[in-house]
N, C-alpha and C. Protein backbone atom coordinates (compact mmCIF):
# COMPACT_ATOMS: atom_id res chain seq x y z
N UNK A 1 -119.03 255.34 -89.71
CA UNK A 1 -118.47 254.05 -90.10
C UNK A 1 -118.97 252.97 -89.15
N UNK A 2 -120.06 252.34 -89.38
CA UNK A 2 -120.60 251.18 -88.65
C UNK A 2 -120.16 251.02 -87.22
N UNK A 3 -119.96 249.78 -86.82
CA UNK A 3 -119.58 249.46 -85.46
C UNK A 3 -118.06 249.47 -85.34
N UNK A 4 -117.51 250.65 -84.99
CA UNK A 4 -116.05 250.80 -84.94
C UNK A 4 -115.44 249.96 -83.83
N UNK A 5 -116.25 249.59 -82.84
CA UNK A 5 -115.70 248.82 -81.72
C UNK A 5 -115.38 247.39 -82.10
N UNK A 6 -115.98 246.90 -83.18
CA UNK A 6 -115.73 245.52 -83.57
C UNK A 6 -116.64 244.55 -82.85
N UNK A 7 -116.31 243.27 -82.98
CA UNK A 7 -117.13 242.21 -82.39
C UNK A 7 -116.28 241.34 -81.48
N UNK A 8 -116.91 240.84 -80.44
CA UNK A 8 -116.20 239.95 -79.52
C UNK A 8 -116.15 238.55 -80.13
N UNK A 9 -114.96 238.03 -80.29
CA UNK A 9 -114.74 236.70 -80.84
C UNK A 9 -114.08 235.86 -79.76
N UNK A 10 -114.54 234.62 -79.61
CA UNK A 10 -113.95 233.72 -78.62
C UNK A 10 -113.01 232.74 -79.31
N UNK A 11 -111.82 232.63 -78.76
CA UNK A 11 -110.82 231.68 -79.23
C UNK A 11 -110.67 230.63 -78.14
N UNK A 12 -110.64 229.36 -78.55
CA UNK A 12 -110.45 228.30 -77.55
C UNK A 12 -109.62 227.18 -78.14
N UNK A 13 -108.83 226.56 -77.27
CA UNK A 13 -107.93 225.49 -77.68
C UNK A 13 -107.90 224.45 -76.58
N UNK A 14 -108.09 223.19 -76.97
CA UNK A 14 -108.08 222.10 -76.00
C UNK A 14 -106.64 221.59 -75.83
N UNK A 15 -106.00 222.02 -74.76
CA UNK A 15 -104.61 221.62 -74.44
C UNK A 15 -104.53 221.37 -72.94
N UNK A 16 -105.11 220.26 -72.45
CA UNK A 16 -105.20 220.04 -71.00
C UNK A 16 -103.86 219.94 -70.29
N UNK A 17 -102.79 219.57 -71.00
CA UNK A 17 -101.50 219.41 -70.34
C UNK A 17 -100.61 220.65 -70.43
N UNK A 18 -101.09 221.69 -71.09
CA UNK A 18 -100.28 222.90 -71.26
C UNK A 18 -100.20 223.70 -69.97
N UNK A 19 -99.10 224.44 -69.82
CA UNK A 19 -98.99 225.34 -68.67
C UNK A 19 -99.19 226.79 -69.08
N UNK A 20 -99.05 227.10 -70.38
CA UNK A 20 -99.24 228.48 -70.85
C UNK A 20 -99.67 228.44 -72.31
N UNK A 21 -100.76 229.14 -72.63
CA UNK A 21 -101.25 229.23 -74.01
C UNK A 21 -101.43 230.70 -74.35
N UNK A 22 -100.82 231.10 -75.47
CA UNK A 22 -100.92 232.48 -75.95
C UNK A 22 -101.57 232.50 -77.32
N UNK A 23 -102.37 233.52 -77.56
CA UNK A 23 -102.96 233.78 -78.87
C UNK A 23 -102.16 234.90 -79.50
N UNK A 24 -101.64 234.66 -80.69
CA UNK A 24 -100.90 235.70 -81.41
C UNK A 24 -101.47 235.80 -82.82
N UNK A 25 -101.48 237.00 -83.36
CA UNK A 25 -102.02 237.19 -84.69
C UNK A 25 -101.78 238.59 -85.19
N UNK A 26 -102.35 238.88 -86.35
CA UNK A 26 -102.16 240.22 -86.90
C UNK A 26 -102.78 241.28 -85.98
N UNK A 27 -103.75 240.89 -85.17
CA UNK A 27 -104.41 241.83 -84.25
C UNK A 27 -103.61 242.02 -82.95
N UNK A 28 -102.51 241.28 -82.76
CA UNK A 28 -101.64 241.48 -81.59
C UNK A 28 -100.25 241.91 -82.01
N UNK A 29 -100.10 242.31 -83.28
CA UNK A 29 -98.77 242.55 -83.85
C UNK A 29 -97.90 241.32 -83.65
N UNK A 30 -98.54 240.16 -83.80
CA UNK A 30 -97.90 238.86 -83.61
C UNK A 30 -97.26 238.78 -82.24
N UNK A 31 -95.96 238.60 -82.13
CA UNK A 31 -95.35 238.37 -80.82
C UNK A 31 -95.25 239.61 -79.95
N UNK A 32 -95.63 240.77 -80.49
CA UNK A 32 -95.48 242.01 -79.71
C UNK A 32 -96.43 242.06 -78.51
N UNK A 33 -97.68 241.68 -78.72
CA UNK A 33 -98.70 241.81 -77.67
C UNK A 33 -99.56 240.56 -77.58
N UNK A 34 -98.97 239.41 -77.27
CA UNK A 34 -99.77 238.18 -77.24
C UNK A 34 -100.86 238.25 -76.17
N UNK A 35 -101.93 237.51 -76.41
CA UNK A 35 -103.06 237.46 -75.48
C UNK A 35 -103.01 236.12 -74.75
N UNK A 36 -103.00 236.18 -73.43
CA UNK A 36 -102.98 234.95 -72.63
C UNK A 36 -104.37 234.36 -72.56
N UNK A 37 -104.47 233.06 -72.85
CA UNK A 37 -105.73 232.36 -72.68
C UNK A 37 -105.81 231.85 -71.25
N UNK A 38 -107.04 231.71 -70.75
CA UNK A 38 -107.24 231.21 -69.39
C UNK A 38 -107.70 229.75 -69.45
N UNK A 39 -107.08 228.93 -68.62
CA UNK A 39 -107.41 227.51 -68.59
C UNK A 39 -108.72 227.29 -67.85
N UNK A 40 -109.63 226.53 -68.49
CA UNK A 40 -110.89 226.16 -67.87
C UNK A 40 -110.71 224.81 -67.17
N UNK A 41 -111.67 224.45 -66.33
CA UNK A 41 -111.57 223.19 -65.58
C UNK A 41 -111.48 221.96 -66.49
N UNK A 42 -112.07 222.05 -67.70
CA UNK A 42 -112.07 220.90 -68.61
C UNK A 42 -110.82 220.81 -69.48
N UNK A 43 -109.83 221.69 -69.25
CA UNK A 43 -108.60 221.64 -70.02
C UNK A 43 -108.62 222.46 -71.29
N UNK A 44 -109.74 223.14 -71.55
CA UNK A 44 -109.83 224.03 -72.70
C UNK A 44 -109.39 225.43 -72.27
N UNK A 45 -108.54 226.04 -73.08
CA UNK A 45 -108.06 227.39 -72.82
C UNK A 45 -108.90 228.36 -73.65
N UNK A 46 -109.31 229.49 -73.05
CA UNK A 46 -110.21 230.42 -73.74
C UNK A 46 -109.77 231.87 -73.54
N UNK A 47 -110.09 232.67 -74.57
CA UNK A 47 -109.95 234.12 -74.47
C UNK A 47 -110.96 234.74 -75.42
N UNK A 48 -111.51 235.88 -75.02
CA UNK A 48 -112.40 236.64 -75.90
C UNK A 48 -111.67 237.91 -76.30
N UNK A 49 -111.74 238.22 -77.58
CA UNK A 49 -111.01 239.34 -78.14
C UNK A 49 -111.97 240.13 -79.02
N UNK A 50 -111.92 241.45 -78.93
CA UNK A 50 -112.72 242.29 -79.81
C UNK A 50 -111.93 242.51 -81.10
N UNK A 51 -112.52 242.07 -82.22
CA UNK A 51 -111.86 242.20 -83.52
C UNK A 51 -112.71 243.05 -84.45
N UNK A 52 -112.03 243.85 -85.26
CA UNK A 52 -112.73 244.63 -86.28
C UNK A 52 -113.15 243.71 -87.42
N UNK A 53 -114.21 244.07 -88.15
CA UNK A 53 -114.64 243.25 -89.28
C UNK A 53 -113.50 243.05 -90.27
N UNK A 54 -113.48 241.87 -90.87
CA UNK A 54 -112.46 241.57 -91.87
C UNK A 54 -111.81 240.23 -91.58
N UNK A 55 -110.70 240.00 -92.25
CA UNK A 55 -109.97 238.73 -92.16
C UNK A 55 -108.79 238.89 -91.22
N UNK A 56 -108.67 237.99 -90.27
CA UNK A 56 -107.58 238.04 -89.28
C UNK A 56 -106.83 236.72 -89.28
N UNK A 57 -105.50 236.79 -89.33
CA UNK A 57 -104.66 235.59 -89.27
C UNK A 57 -104.10 235.46 -87.87
N UNK A 58 -104.02 234.20 -87.39
CA UNK A 58 -103.56 233.96 -86.02
C UNK A 58 -103.01 232.56 -85.88
N UNK A 59 -102.31 232.34 -84.76
CA UNK A 59 -101.85 231.01 -84.34
C UNK A 59 -101.78 231.02 -82.81
N UNK A 60 -101.58 229.84 -82.26
CA UNK A 60 -101.40 229.71 -80.81
C UNK A 60 -99.94 229.37 -80.50
N UNK A 61 -99.48 229.84 -79.35
CA UNK A 61 -98.19 229.43 -78.80
C UNK A 61 -98.49 228.65 -77.53
N UNK A 62 -98.21 227.36 -77.54
CA UNK A 62 -98.47 226.49 -76.39
C UNK A 62 -97.13 226.10 -75.79
N UNK A 63 -96.87 226.60 -74.59
CA UNK A 63 -95.59 226.35 -73.92
C UNK A 63 -94.42 226.61 -74.88
N UNK A 64 -94.52 227.69 -75.66
CA UNK A 64 -93.44 228.10 -76.55
C UNK A 64 -93.43 227.42 -77.91
N UNK A 65 -94.38 226.51 -78.17
CA UNK A 65 -94.45 225.80 -79.45
C UNK A 65 -95.66 226.28 -80.25
N UNK A 66 -95.46 226.53 -81.55
CA UNK A 66 -96.57 226.95 -82.40
C UNK A 66 -97.58 225.82 -82.57
N UNK A 67 -98.86 226.19 -82.49
CA UNK A 67 -99.94 225.23 -82.69
C UNK A 67 -101.01 225.86 -83.58
N UNK A 68 -101.66 225.01 -84.36
CA UNK A 68 -102.79 225.44 -85.18
C UNK A 68 -104.08 225.31 -84.38
N UNK A 69 -105.09 226.01 -84.84
CA UNK A 69 -106.43 225.88 -84.28
C UNK A 69 -107.14 224.78 -85.06
N UNK A 70 -107.34 223.63 -84.44
CA UNK A 70 -107.96 222.50 -85.13
C UNK A 70 -109.42 222.77 -85.50
N UNK A 71 -110.03 223.79 -84.89
CA UNK A 71 -111.41 224.14 -85.21
C UNK A 71 -111.50 225.10 -86.38
N UNK A 72 -110.36 225.54 -86.89
CA UNK A 72 -110.34 226.51 -87.98
C UNK A 72 -110.21 225.79 -89.31
N UNK A 73 -111.17 225.98 -90.20
CA UNK A 73 -111.16 225.29 -91.48
C UNK A 73 -110.43 226.04 -92.58
N UNK A 74 -110.11 227.32 -92.36
CA UNK A 74 -109.50 228.12 -93.42
C UNK A 74 -108.12 228.57 -92.96
N UNK A 75 -107.10 228.26 -93.77
CA UNK A 75 -105.72 228.61 -93.42
C UNK A 75 -105.02 229.22 -94.61
N UNK A 76 -103.98 229.99 -94.31
CA UNK A 76 -103.15 230.58 -95.36
C UNK A 76 -101.70 230.29 -95.06
N UNK A 77 -100.91 229.97 -96.09
CA UNK A 77 -99.48 229.73 -95.85
C UNK A 77 -98.82 231.00 -95.32
N UNK A 78 -97.89 230.83 -94.39
CA UNK A 78 -97.13 231.97 -93.91
C UNK A 78 -95.70 231.85 -94.42
N UNK A 79 -94.86 232.79 -94.07
CA UNK A 79 -93.50 232.80 -94.58
C UNK A 79 -92.55 231.90 -93.82
N UNK A 80 -93.08 231.05 -92.94
CA UNK A 80 -92.24 230.23 -92.07
C UNK A 80 -92.40 228.73 -92.35
N UNK A 81 -93.00 228.39 -93.50
CA UNK A 81 -93.15 226.99 -93.86
C UNK A 81 -94.34 226.31 -93.21
N UNK A 82 -95.19 227.06 -92.54
CA UNK A 82 -96.40 226.50 -91.95
C UNK A 82 -97.58 227.37 -92.38
N UNK A 83 -98.69 227.24 -91.68
CA UNK A 83 -99.89 227.98 -92.06
C UNK A 83 -100.43 228.78 -90.89
N UNK A 84 -101.03 229.91 -91.21
CA UNK A 84 -101.77 230.68 -90.22
C UNK A 84 -103.24 230.32 -90.33
N UNK A 85 -103.91 230.31 -89.20
CA UNK A 85 -105.36 230.13 -89.19
C UNK A 85 -106.00 231.47 -89.53
N UNK A 86 -107.18 231.44 -90.14
CA UNK A 86 -107.85 232.66 -90.56
C UNK A 86 -109.24 232.71 -89.95
N UNK A 87 -109.56 233.84 -89.33
CA UNK A 87 -110.90 234.07 -88.75
C UNK A 87 -111.52 235.23 -89.51
N UNK A 88 -112.70 235.00 -90.08
CA UNK A 88 -113.45 236.06 -90.76
C UNK A 88 -114.43 236.65 -89.77
N UNK A 89 -114.40 237.97 -89.63
CA UNK A 89 -115.34 238.66 -88.76
C UNK A 89 -116.29 239.45 -89.64
N UNK A 90 -117.57 239.13 -89.52
CA UNK A 90 -118.59 239.81 -90.37
C UNK A 90 -118.77 241.25 -89.92
N UNK A 91 -119.12 242.13 -90.86
CA UNK A 91 -119.36 243.54 -90.48
C UNK A 91 -120.61 243.69 -89.65
């Protein structure tokens, strides 16, 4: 079965005033295993995650508040009255 390890995908969010940014999604069991992003000198928070091919839904938690990825053009409604961002990972 192809590349079982998946592909490294970089997530980044420009939140220069934030003190904590978490990436949550279907690949983290949502709030179960959030991924902490690291703040860069320019105020952009980044994390690289290995994802299996397919469609992945995610959002950011910035200081406890849900945020969308403004760089993501494809979204799907979630059950909470907002939208999840969607990242497609090619096989």
